[in-house]
């Protein structure tokens, strides 16, 4: 059986810096120049102080598993070869929470509070890369 292509990210002006960082193996997030806090998802105002004085900065890529679920039933045929897989909310060291997959570990090994670090996996076409996480 031939696997179907998975959906690819569709960068727009608000998210292009995030996806460009991923292409280079960097986890970039918006950071407020006024209050100094990172946030995610990208937006035009800081959700902490309301400032428009934002910049994109590289993050450590380290965090902990805040919550997760194990997917046993593929949402589409493109994901059938991946089940079971872990979708998690990662609490990054810098503060924001990011939803992603945890890879390279059996699904029953993942636990809330487990330390994780970002890694990047090809999206399967072109130079698009997806930030995912590994234990450690």
Protein backbone atom coordinates (compact mmCIF):
# COMPACT_ATOMS: atom_id res chain seq x y z
CA UNK A 1 0.00 0.00 0.00
CA UNK A 2 1.29 3.47 -0.89
CA UNK A 3 0.96 6.03 1.87
CA UNK A 4 -0.88 9.23 1.12
CA UNK A 5 0.84 12.58 1.63
CA UNK A 6 0.23 14.28 4.95
CA UNK A 7 -0.99 17.86 5.09
CA UNK A 8 1.85 20.39 5.00
CA UNK A 9 2.14 23.62 6.96
CA UNK A 10 0.76 26.66 5.19
CA UNK A 11 2.90 29.57 6.41
CA UNK A 12 1.31 33.01 6.35
CA UNK A 13 2.76 36.39 7.31
CA UNK A 14 2.08 35.75 11.01
CA UNK A 15 3.75 32.31 11.09
CA UNK A 16 6.42 32.46 8.37
CA UNK A 17 9.24 33.17 10.86
CA UNK A 18 8.26 30.08 12.90
CA UNK A 19 8.38 27.83 9.83
CA UNK A 20 11.57 29.43 8.51
CA UNK A 21 13.24 28.67 11.84
CA UNK A 22 12.08 25.07 11.65
CA UNK A 23 13.75 24.72 8.24
CA UNK A 24 17.01 25.64 9.97
CA UNK A 25 16.51 23.42 13.02
CA UNK A 26 15.54 26.33 15.27
CA UNK A 27 12.46 26.70 17.45
CA UNK A 28 11.59 30.39 17.10
CA UNK A 29 8.79 32.05 19.05
CA UNK A 30 7.56 35.62 19.41
CA UNK A 31 8.95 37.51 22.40
CA UNK A 32 7.80 40.86 23.73
CA UNK A 33 10.54 43.50 23.91
CA UNK A 34 8.62 45.33 26.65
CA UNK A 35 7.70 42.63 29.19
CA UNK A 36 10.28 40.07 28.03
CA UNK A 37 7.84 37.16 27.79
CA UNK A 38 7.54 34.63 25.00
CA UNK A 39 4.15 33.61 23.65
CA UNK A 40 2.67 31.13 21.26
CA UNK A 41 0.63 31.15 18.96
CA UNK A 42 1.94 34.12 16.94
CA UNK A 43 -0.17 37.28 17.13
CA UNK A 44 0.26 41.00 16.64
CA UNK A 45 -0.07 41.97 20.33
CA UNK A 46 1.67 40.54 23.37
CA UNK A 47 -0.98 38.55 25.29
CA UNK A 48 0.79 39.43 28.56
CA UNK A 49 1.05 43.23 28.35
CA UNK A 50 -0.63 44.28 25.09
CA UNK A 51 2.54 45.65 23.51
CA UNK A 52 3.09 45.64 19.75
CA UNK A 53 6.86 45.67 20.30
CA UNK A 54 7.53 42.03 19.39
CA UNK A 55 10.48 40.11 17.96
CA UNK A 56 11.21 36.50 17.05
CA UNK A 57 13.78 34.71 19.19
CA UNK A 58 15.21 31.20 19.28
CA UNK A 59 14.09 29.09 22.22
CA UNK A 60 15.95 26.36 24.06
CA UNK A 61 13.60 23.69 22.71
CA UNK A 62 13.42 22.12 26.17
CA UNK A 63 10.27 21.56 28.17
CA UNK A 64 8.08 19.04 29.93
CA UNK A 65 5.03 17.03 28.91
CA UNK A 66 2.05 19.01 30.21
CA UNK A 67 -0.60 16.68 28.77
CA UNK A 68 -0.81 14.04 26.07
CA UNK A 69 -2.97 11.51 24.30
CA UNK A 70 -2.16 8.40 22.33
CA UNK A 71 -3.80 8.24 18.93
CA UNK A 72 -4.85 4.68 18.09
CA UNK A 73 -7.18 5.46 15.21
CA UNK A 74 -5.76 7.48 12.34
CA UNK A 75 -7.68 10.68 11.53
CA UNK A 76 -7.10 10.00 7.83
CA UNK A 77 -5.43 7.34 5.68
CA UNK A 78 -2.28 9.50 5.53
CA UNK A 79 -1.62 8.77 9.22
CA UNK A 80 -2.46 5.03 9.28
CA UNK A 81 1.18 3.90 9.25
CA UNK A 82 1.95 6.08 12.30
CA UNK A 83 -0.55 4.70 14.83
CA UNK A 84 -0.18 4.51 17.70
CA UNK A 85 1.43 7.92 18.10
CA UNK A 86 1.60 10.53 20.84
CA UNK A 87 0.22 14.04 20.54
CA UNK A 88 1.29 16.19 23.48
CA UNK A 89 1.09 19.66 24.89
CA UNK A 90 4.63 20.70 25.81
CA UNK A 91 5.25 23.36 28.45
CA UNK A 92 8.40 25.04 27.14
CA UNK A 93 11.07 26.37 29.53
CA UNK A 94 10.34 29.82 28.16
CA UNK A 95 6.68 29.61 29.24
CA UNK A 96 4.45 28.98 26.23
CA UNK A 97 2.71 25.68 25.62
CA UNK A 98 3.08 24.07 22.22
CA UNK A 99 1.19 21.10 20.75
CA UNK A 100 3.29 18.59 18.87
CA UNK A 101 4.15 14.91 18.62
CA UNK A 102 6.53 12.93 20.80
CA UNK A 103 8.59 10.61 18.64
CA UNK A 104 11.23 7.87 18.89
CA UNK A 105 9.73 6.30 22.02
CA UNK A 106 6.97 3.74 22.62
CA UNK A 107 3.68 5.49 23.36
CA UNK A 108 3.33 3.75 26.73
CA UNK A 109 6.64 5.29 27.90
CA UNK A 110 5.39 8.91 27.81
CA UNK A 111 4.32 10.48 31.12
CA UNK A 112 3.13 13.91 32.25
CA UNK A 113 6.11 15.81 33.69
CA UNK A 114 8.64 13.98 31.52
CA UNK A 115 11.48 16.15 30.19
CA UNK A 116 11.52 16.61 26.42
CA UNK A 117 13.61 18.40 23.80
CA UNK A 118 12.77 19.54 20.31
CA UNK A 119 13.91 17.74 17.21
CA UNK A 120 12.94 18.36 13.61
CA UNK A 121 11.52 15.89 11.13
CA UNK A 122 11.04 16.34 7.41
CA UNK A 123 7.47 17.01 6.40
CA UNK A 124 8.13 14.74 3.44
CA UNK A 125 8.20 17.27 0.64
CA UNK A 126 10.62 20.05 -0.14
CA UNK A 127 12.51 21.60 2.75
CA UNK A 128 9.61 21.86 5.21
CA UNK A 129 10.52 20.65 8.69
CA UNK A 130 8.20 19.96 11.60
CA UNK A 131 9.18 20.56 15.23
CA UNK A 132 8.56 17.41 17.27
CA UNK A 133 9.82 16.29 20.65
CA UNK A 134 11.85 13.44 22.10
CA UNK A 135 12.25 12.38 25.70
CA UNK A 136 15.35 13.66 27.38
